[in-house]
Amino acid sequence: MSFTSLRDKYIKDATHTKEQPANILDQLPSYNSYETNVFIDTLNLEYQEQLSLNKLLKDENIEQQSQKVKDFVKDNNDKINSELSALEEITTDLKKLCDENKKLEMETTEYEELVKSEECCELAEKMRKIKSLKNDILHFLDGAGLRVQQF
């Protein structure tokens, strides 16, 4: 029996989960048109920076470029360690708060009915898609070794 058939036999449900429909209450607090436009501008800026990097990498003065990298590491090590600690802390706190909010949301019948309305569901899906596209490009850029700041 092949690995794929064994996996499908025993854990098919775990690998083929159905995505929950978007919830307007989940999407509403995080949607911000201004921030989305700033994010688009940031990606355009990143694109221009990548064009500059491409030109720089084609430059044959490797010694000078290596020194710039060494200087950056020396100048930014402490700051980056501090930023990492702050992000780890807020990530933990945010996860706990989101879990609590989800429980509170389902305890209120009015919210539950509103969330299930067709208009709210359609808009929530669009808002989720915007967030997903932003996360997808950030994940892609991160995988490429690029760290784009989201504002």
N, C-alpha and C. Protein backbone atom coordinates (compact mmCIF):
# COMPACT_ATOMS: atom_id res chain seq x y z
N MET A 1 0.85 -1.18 0.00
CA MET A 1 0.00 0.00 0.00
C MET A 1 0.90 1.24 0.00
N SER A 2 0.56 2.23 -0.82
CA SER A 2 1.40 3.42 -0.93
C SER A 2 1.19 4.37 0.25
N PHE A 3 2.16 5.25 0.42
CA PHE A 3 2.07 6.25 1.49
C PHE A 3 0.82 7.10 1.34
N THR A 4 0.52 7.53 0.12
CA THR A 4 -0.64 8.39 -0.13
C THR A 4 -1.93 7.68 0.24
N SER A 5 -2.08 6.43 -0.13
CA SER A 5 -3.31 5.71 0.19
C SER A 5 -3.44 5.47 1.70
N LEU A 6 -2.32 5.18 2.37
CA LEU A 6 -2.35 5.03 3.84
C LEU A 6 -2.73 6.34 4.51
N ARG A 7 -2.10 7.42 4.06
CA ARG A 7 -2.41 8.74 4.64
C ARG A 7 -3.88 9.07 4.44
N ASP A 8 -4.38 8.88 3.22
CA ASP A 8 -5.78 9.20 2.94
C ASP A 8 -6.73 8.33 3.75
N LYS A 9 -6.35 7.08 3.97
CA LYS A 9 -7.21 6.17 4.72
C LYS A 9 -7.36 6.60 6.18
N TYR A 10 -6.25 7.08 6.79
CA TYR A 10 -6.28 7.36 8.22
C TYR A 10 -6.42 8.83 8.60
N ILE A 11 -6.01 9.71 7.76
CA ILE A 11 -6.09 11.13 8.14
C ILE A 11 -6.72 12.00 7.06
N LYS A 12 -7.56 11.44 6.25
CA LYS A 12 -8.19 12.19 5.17
C LYS A 12 -8.97 13.40 5.71
N ASP A 13 -9.74 13.21 6.76
CA ASP A 13 -10.53 14.30 7.31
C ASP A 13 -9.65 15.44 7.81
N ALA A 14 -8.50 15.13 8.34
CA ALA A 14 -7.61 16.16 8.86
C ALA A 14 -6.96 16.96 7.75
N THR A 15 -6.75 16.35 6.59
CA THR A 15 -6.10 17.06 5.50
C THR A 15 -7.08 17.70 4.53
N HIS A 16 -8.35 17.38 4.63
CA HIS A 16 -9.36 17.93 3.73
C HIS A 16 -10.42 18.68 4.55
N THR A 17 -10.00 19.62 5.34
CA THR A 17 -10.94 20.36 6.17
C THR A 17 -11.61 21.44 5.35
N LYS A 18 -12.85 21.70 5.64
CA LYS A 18 -13.62 22.72 4.95
C LYS A 18 -13.38 24.06 5.64
N GLU A 19 -13.06 25.08 4.85
CA GLU A 19 -12.82 26.40 5.42
C GLU A 19 -14.15 26.98 5.90
N GLN A 20 -14.12 27.55 7.09
CA GLN A 20 -15.31 28.18 7.64
C GLN A 20 -15.67 29.42 6.82
N PRO A 21 -16.96 29.73 6.68
CA PRO A 21 -17.33 30.95 5.95
C PRO A 21 -16.83 32.18 6.70
N ALA A 22 -16.56 33.23 5.94
CA ALA A 22 -16.08 34.46 6.56
C ALA A 22 -17.16 35.04 7.46
N ASN A 23 -16.71 35.67 8.52
CA ASN A 23 -17.60 36.25 9.52
C ASN A 23 -17.35 37.74 9.56
N ILE A 24 -18.38 38.54 9.34
CA ILE A 24 -18.23 40.00 9.28
C ILE A 24 -17.67 40.56 10.59
N LEU A 25 -18.03 39.95 11.72
CA LEU A 25 -17.52 40.43 13.01
C LEU A 25 -16.03 40.19 13.13
N ASP A 26 -15.53 39.13 12.51
CA ASP A 26 -14.09 38.86 12.53
C ASP A 26 -13.34 39.82 11.62
N GLN A 27 -13.97 40.17 10.50
CA GLN A 27 -13.31 41.00 9.49
C GLN A 27 -13.39 42.49 9.80
N LEU A 28 -14.50 42.91 10.37
CA LEU A 28 -14.76 44.33 10.60
C LEU A 28 -13.67 45.07 11.37
N PRO A 29 -13.21 44.57 12.51
CA PRO A 29 -12.22 45.33 13.28
C PRO A 29 -10.88 45.50 12.56
N SER A 30 -10.54 44.57 11.68
CA SER A 30 -9.22 44.64 11.06
C SER A 30 -9.23 45.30 9.69
N TYR A 31 -10.42 45.62 9.16
CA TYR A 31 -10.47 46.25 7.85
C TYR A 31 -10.25 47.75 7.99
N ASN A 32 -9.33 48.26 7.19
CA ASN A 32 -9.05 49.68 7.19
C ASN A 32 -8.60 50.05 5.78
N SER A 33 -9.44 50.79 5.08
CA SER A 33 -9.15 51.15 3.69
C SER A 33 -7.85 51.92 3.57
N TYR A 34 -7.62 52.84 4.49
CA TYR A 34 -6.39 53.63 4.46
C TYR A 34 -5.17 52.72 4.59
N GLU A 35 -5.22 51.81 5.55
CA GLU A 35 -4.09 50.89 5.75
C GLU A 35 -3.88 49.99 4.54
N THR A 36 -4.96 49.57 3.90
CA THR A 36 -4.83 48.74 2.70
C THR A 36 -4.14 49.52 1.60
N ASN A 37 -4.51 50.78 1.42
CA ASN A 37 -3.86 51.60 0.41
C ASN A 37 -2.40 51.88 0.75
N VAL A 38 -2.11 52.08 2.02
CA VAL A 38 -0.71 52.26 2.44
C VAL A 38 0.06 50.97 2.17
N PHE A 39 -0.57 49.84 2.41
CA PHE A 39 0.07 48.55 2.15
C PHE A 39 0.39 48.39 0.66
N ILE A 40 -0.55 48.77 -0.20
CA ILE A 40 -0.31 48.71 -1.64
C ILE A 40 0.86 49.61 -2.02
N ASP A 41 0.88 50.81 -1.45
CA ASP A 41 2.00 51.73 -1.70
C ASP A 41 3.32 51.13 -1.21
N THR A 42 3.26 50.46 -0.06
CA THR A 42 4.46 49.81 0.49
C THR A 42 4.97 48.72 -0.45
N LEU A 43 4.05 47.95 -1.01
CA LEU A 43 4.47 46.91 -1.96
C LEU A 43 5.07 47.53 -3.22
N ASN A 44 4.51 48.63 -3.67
CA ASN A 44 5.09 49.33 -4.83
C ASN A 44 6.50 49.82 -4.50
N LEU A 45 6.69 50.33 -3.29
CA LEU A 45 8.01 50.76 -2.86
C LEU A 45 8.97 49.57 -2.79
N GLU A 46 8.50 48.46 -2.25
CA GLU A 46 9.32 47.24 -2.19
C GLU A 46 9.73 46.81 -3.59
N TYR A 47 8.82 46.92 -4.53
CA TYR A 47 9.14 46.56 -5.91
C TYR A 47 10.27 47.44 -6.44
N GLN A 48 10.20 48.73 -6.17
CA GLN A 48 11.25 49.64 -6.61
C GLN A 48 12.58 49.31 -5.93
N GLU A 49 12.52 48.97 -4.64
CA GLU A 49 13.74 48.59 -3.91
C GLU A 49 14.34 47.31 -4.49
N GLN A 50 13.47 46.38 -4.89
CA GLN A 50 13.97 45.14 -5.49
C GLN A 50 14.63 45.40 -6.84
N LEU A 51 14.11 46.38 -7.57
CA LEU A 51 14.76 46.76 -8.82
C LEU A 51 16.16 47.32 -8.54
N SER A 52 16.25 48.15 -7.48
CA SER A 52 17.56 48.70 -7.09
C SER A 52 18.50 47.58 -6.64
N LEU A 53 17.98 46.64 -5.86
CA LEU A 53 18.80 45.52 -5.41
C LEU A 53 19.29 44.70 -6.59
N ASN A 54 18.42 44.49 -7.55
CA ASN A 54 18.79 43.74 -8.75
C ASN A 54 19.97 44.41 -9.45
N LYS A 55 19.90 45.72 -9.55
CA LYS A 55 20.99 46.48 -10.18
C LYS A 55 22.27 46.35 -9.35
N LEU A 56 22.13 46.46 -8.04
CA LEU A 56 23.27 46.36 -7.13
C LEU A 56 23.93 44.99 -7.22
N LEU A 57 23.11 43.92 -7.27
CA LEU A 57 23.65 42.56 -7.34
C LEU A 57 24.38 42.30 -8.65
N LYS A 58 24.01 43.02 -9.65
CA LYS A 58 24.70 42.87 -10.93
C LYS A 58 26.02 43.64 -10.95
N ASP A 59 26.18 44.53 -9.95
CA ASP A 59 27.44 45.28 -9.80
C ASP A 59 28.51 44.30 -9.35
N GLU A 60 29.69 44.47 -9.84
CA GLU A 60 30.75 43.50 -9.54
C GLU A 60 31.64 43.90 -8.36
N ASN A 61 31.33 44.98 -7.64
CA ASN A 61 32.12 45.42 -6.50
C ASN A 61 31.61 44.71 -5.23
N ILE A 62 31.91 43.44 -5.12
CA ILE A 62 31.40 42.59 -4.04
C ILE A 62 31.97 42.98 -2.68
N GLU A 63 33.22 43.37 -2.61
CA GLU A 63 33.85 43.73 -1.34
C GLU A 63 33.13 44.90 -0.67
N GLN A 64 32.81 45.91 -1.43
CA GLN A 64 32.11 47.08 -0.89
C GLN A 64 30.71 46.70 -0.40
N GLN A 65 30.01 45.86 -1.14
CA GLN A 65 28.67 45.45 -0.75
C GLN A 65 28.71 44.58 0.50
N SER A 66 29.71 43.73 0.63
CA SER A 66 29.86 42.90 1.83
C SER A 66 30.08 43.75 3.06
N GLN A 67 30.83 44.81 2.95
CA GLN A 67 31.07 45.70 4.09
C GLN A 67 29.78 46.38 4.53
N LYS A 68 28.94 46.75 3.59
CA LYS A 68 27.64 47.36 3.93
C LYS A 68 26.80 46.39 4.76
N VAL A 69 26.81 45.12 4.41
CA VAL A 69 26.06 44.11 5.15
C VAL A 69 26.62 43.97 6.55
N LYS A 70 27.92 43.89 6.70
CA LYS A 70 28.55 43.76 8.01
C LYS A 70 28.23 44.96 8.89
N ASP A 71 28.25 46.16 8.33
CA ASP A 71 27.91 47.37 9.08
C ASP A 71 26.45 47.34 9.54
N PHE A 72 25.58 46.88 8.68
CA PHE A 72 24.16 46.79 9.04
C PHE A 72 23.97 45.86 10.23
N VAL A 73 24.59 44.69 10.19
CA VAL A 73 24.46 43.71 11.28
C VAL A 73 24.95 44.33 12.59
N LYS A 74 26.08 44.98 12.55
CA LYS A 74 26.65 45.60 13.74
C LYS A 74 25.73 46.69 14.29
N ASP A 75 25.19 47.51 13.43
CA ASP A 75 24.37 48.66 13.85
C ASP A 75 22.96 48.28 14.30
N ASN A 76 22.44 47.14 13.87
CA ASN A 76 21.03 46.83 14.10
C ASN A 76 20.75 45.61 14.96
N ASN A 77 21.76 44.93 15.43
CA ASN A 77 21.57 43.69 16.18
C ASN A 77 20.69 43.88 17.42
N ASP A 78 20.99 44.86 18.27
CA ASP A 78 20.22 45.07 19.51
C ASP A 78 18.78 45.46 19.22
N LYS A 79 18.59 46.34 18.27
CA LYS A 79 17.24 46.80 17.93
C LYS A 79 16.38 45.64 17.43
N ILE A 80 16.95 44.81 16.59
CA ILE A 80 16.19 43.68 16.04
C ILE A 80 15.85 42.66 17.13
N ASN A 81 16.74 42.44 18.08
CA ASN A 81 16.43 41.55 19.21
C ASN A 81 15.26 42.09 20.02
N SER A 82 15.24 43.39 20.25
CA SER A 82 14.16 44.03 20.99
C SER A 82 12.83 43.92 20.23
N GLU A 83 12.86 44.14 18.93
CA GLU A 83 11.65 44.04 18.11
C GLU A 83 11.11 42.61 18.13
N LEU A 84 12.00 41.64 18.08
CA LEU A 84 11.58 40.24 18.12
C LEU A 84 10.88 39.92 19.43
N SER A 85 11.42 40.37 20.54
CA SER A 85 10.79 40.13 21.85
C SER A 85 9.40 40.76 21.92
N ALA A 86 9.28 41.99 21.44
CA ALA A 86 7.99 42.68 21.46
C ALA A 86 6.96 41.95 20.60
N LEU A 87 7.37 41.47 19.43
CA LEU A 87 6.45 40.74 18.55
C LEU A 87 6.03 39.41 19.16
N GLU A 88 6.95 38.72 19.81
CA GLU A 88 6.60 37.45 20.45
C GLU A 88 5.57 37.68 21.55
N GLU A 89 5.74 38.73 22.33
CA GLU A 89 4.81 39.03 23.43
C GLU A 89 3.43 39.39 22.90
N ILE A 90 3.36 40.29 21.91
CA ILE A 90 2.05 40.72 21.40
C ILE A 90 1.36 39.58 20.68
N THR A 91 2.11 38.68 20.06
CA THR A 91 1.51 37.53 19.39
C THR A 91 0.79 36.64 20.39
N THR A 92 1.41 36.36 21.50
CA THR A 92 0.79 35.54 22.55
C THR A 92 -0.47 36.22 23.09
N ASP A 93 -0.37 37.50 23.41
CA ASP A 93 -1.51 38.24 23.96
C ASP A 93 -2.65 38.32 22.96
N LEU A 94 -2.34 38.53 21.70
CA LEU A 94 -3.36 38.65 20.67
C LEU A 94 -4.11 37.34 20.48
N LYS A 95 -3.41 36.23 20.49
CA LYS A 95 -4.06 34.93 20.35
C LYS A 95 -5.05 34.68 21.49
N LYS A 96 -4.64 35.01 22.70
CA LYS A 96 -5.54 34.81 23.86
C LYS A 96 -6.79 35.67 23.73
N LEU A 97 -6.62 36.93 23.34
CA LEU A 97 -7.75 37.85 23.22
C LEU A 97 -8.70 37.42 22.10
N CYS A 98 -8.17 36.96 20.98
CA CYS A 98 -9.02 36.50 19.87
C CYS A 98 -9.85 35.30 20.29
N ASP A 99 -9.26 34.38 21.03
CA ASP A 99 -10.01 33.22 21.52
C ASP A 99 -11.15 33.66 22.43
N GLU A 100 -10.89 34.59 23.33
CA GLU A 100 -11.93 35.09 24.23
C GLU A 100 -13.04 35.79 23.44
N ASN A 101 -12.68 36.60 22.45
CA ASN A 101 -13.68 37.31 21.65
C ASN A 101 -14.57 36.34 20.88
N LYS A 102 -14.01 35.27 20.36
CA LYS A 102 -14.79 34.28 19.62
C LYS A 102 -15.83 33.64 20.54
N LYS A 103 -15.45 33.34 21.78
CA LYS A 103 -16.38 32.76 22.74
C LYS A 103 -17.51 33.75 23.05
N LEU A 104 -17.16 35.01 23.28
CA LEU A 104 -18.16 36.04 23.59
C LEU A 104 -19.11 36.26 22.42
N GLU A 105 -18.60 36.24 21.22
CA GLU A 105 -19.40 36.46 20.02
C GLU A 105 -20.51 35.41 19.90
N MET A 106 -20.19 34.18 20.17
CA MET A 106 -21.17 33.11 20.02
C MET A 106 -22.17 33.04 21.17
N GLU A 107 -21.92 33.79 22.24
CA GLU A 107 -22.85 33.82 23.37
C GLU A 107 -24.00 34.79 23.13
N THR A 108 -23.93 35.64 22.09
CA THR A 108 -24.95 36.64 21.83
C THR A 108 -25.73 36.27 20.56
N THR A 109 -27.03 35.99 20.70
CA THR A 109 -27.87 35.56 19.59
C THR A 109 -27.95 36.62 18.49
N GLU A 110 -28.07 37.89 18.85
CA GLU A 110 -28.19 38.95 17.85
C GLU A 110 -26.97 39.01 16.94
N TYR A 111 -25.80 38.89 17.52
CA TYR A 111 -24.58 38.88 16.72
C TYR A 111 -24.54 37.66 15.81
N GLU A 112 -24.95 36.54 16.37
CA GLU A 112 -24.91 35.29 15.60
C GLU A 112 -25.82 35.39 14.37
N GLU A 113 -27.03 35.98 14.53
CA GLU A 113 -27.95 36.13 13.40
C GLU A 113 -27.42 37.13 12.38
N LEU A 114 -26.87 38.24 12.85
CA LEU A 114 -26.32 39.25 11.96
C LEU A 114 -25.17 38.69 11.14
N VAL A 115 -24.32 37.96 11.80
CA VAL A 115 -23.14 37.39 11.16
C VAL A 115 -23.53 36.45 10.02
N LYS A 116 -24.66 35.78 10.15
CA LYS A 116 -25.09 34.80 9.16
C LYS A 116 -25.89 35.41 8.00
N SER A 117 -26.18 36.71 8.04
CA SER A 117 -26.94 37.33 6.94
C SER A 117 -26.12 37.31 5.66
N GLU A 118 -26.80 37.21 4.52
CA GLU A 118 -26.12 37.09 3.22
C GLU A 118 -25.23 38.30 2.94
N GLU A 119 -25.73 39.49 3.21
CA GLU A 119 -24.96 40.71 2.95
C GLU A 119 -23.67 40.74 3.78
N CYS A 120 -23.78 40.40 5.04
CA CYS A 120 -22.60 40.37 5.90
C CYS A 120 -21.62 39.29 5.46
N CYS A 121 -22.12 38.16 5.07
CA CYS A 121 -21.25 37.05 4.63
C CYS A 121 -20.48 37.43 3.36
N GLU A 122 -21.16 38.05 2.40
CA GLU A 122 -20.50 38.44 1.15
C GLU A 122 -19.41 39.47 1.40
N LEU A 123 -19.72 40.48 2.20
CA LEU A 123 -18.73 41.51 2.49
C LEU A 123 -17.57 40.94 3.30
N ALA A 124 -17.88 40.08 4.23
CA ALA A 124 -16.83 39.46 5.05
C ALA A 124 -15.89 38.63 4.18
N GLU A 125 -16.42 37.93 3.17
CA GLU A 125 -15.57 37.16 2.26
C GLU A 125 -14.62 38.07 1.50
N LYS A 126 -15.12 39.21 1.04
CA LYS A 126 -14.26 40.16 0.32
C LYS A 126 -13.18 40.72 1.24
N MET A 127 -13.56 41.03 2.47
CA MET A 127 -12.59 41.56 3.43
C MET A 127 -11.54 40.50 3.76
N ARG A 128 -11.98 39.25 3.89
CA ARG A 128 -11.06 38.15 4.15
C ARG A 128 -10.09 37.99 2.99
N LYS A 129 -10.61 38.15 1.77
CA LYS A 129 -9.75 38.00 0.59
C LYS A 129 -8.67 39.09 0.56
N ILE A 130 -9.05 40.33 0.91
CA ILE A 130 -8.06 41.41 0.98
C ILE A 130 -6.98 41.05 1.99
N LYS A 131 -7.38 40.60 3.17
CA LYS A 131 -6.42 40.22 4.20
C LYS A 131 -5.56 39.05 3.73
N SER A 132 -6.20 38.09 3.07
CA SER A 132 -5.48 36.92 2.58
C SER A 132 -4.45 37.31 1.51
N LEU A 133 -4.82 38.19 0.60
CA LEU A 133 -3.88 38.64 -0.42
C LEU A 133 -2.71 39.36 0.21
N LYS A 134 -2.98 40.19 1.21
CA LYS A 134 -1.90 40.89 1.90
C LYS A 134 -0.97 39.88 2.58
N ASN A 135 -1.57 38.90 3.26
CA ASN A 135 -0.75 37.88 3.94
C ASN A 135 0.01 37.01 2.94
N ASP A 136 -0.64 36.68 1.82
CA ASP A 136 0.02 35.85 0.81
C ASP A 136 1.27 36.53 0.26
N ILE A 137 1.16 37.82 -0.07
CA ILE A 137 2.33 38.50 -0.63
C ILE A 137 3.40 38.67 0.45
N LEU A 138 2.99 38.91 1.69
CA LEU A 138 3.98 39.00 2.77
C LEU A 138 4.68 37.65 2.96
N HIS A 139 3.91 36.56 2.91
CA HIS A 139 4.50 35.23 3.06
C HIS A 139 5.45 34.93 1.90
N PHE A 140 5.04 35.28 0.69
CA PHE A 140 5.89 35.08 -0.48
C PHE A 140 7.20 35.85 -0.34
N LEU A 141 7.09 37.13 0.03
CA LEU A 141 8.28 37.96 0.17
C LEU A 141 9.15 37.45 1.32
N ASP A 142 8.53 36.99 2.40
CA ASP A 142 9.29 36.43 3.51
C ASP A 142 10.04 35.18 3.06
N GLY A 143 9.38 34.33 2.28
CA GLY A 143 10.03 33.13 1.76
C GLY A 143 11.19 33.45 0.84
N ALA A 144 11.11 34.62 0.20
CA ALA A 144 12.19 35.06 -0.68
C ALA A 144 13.28 35.78 0.10
N GLY A 145 13.13 35.82 1.43
CA GLY A 145 14.14 36.47 2.27
C GLY A 145 13.93 37.96 2.40
N LEU A 146 12.76 38.46 2.00
CA LEU A 146 12.47 39.89 2.07
C LEU A 146 11.50 40.14 3.20
N ARG A 147 11.73 41.16 3.94
CA ARG A 147 10.87 41.48 5.08
C ARG A 147 10.23 42.84 4.84
N VAL A 148 9.01 42.84 4.31
CA VAL A 148 8.31 44.08 4.02
C VAL A 148 7.56 44.51 5.28
N GLN A 149 7.69 45.75 5.65
CA GLN A 149 6.98 46.27 6.81
C GLN A 149 5.54 46.57 6.42
N GLN A 150 4.59 46.11 7.21
CA GLN A 150 3.18 46.41 6.98
C GLN A 150 2.79 47.51 7.96
N PHE A 151 2.16 48.53 7.44
CA PHE A 151 1.78 49.67 8.29
C PHE A 151 0.32 49.63 8.61
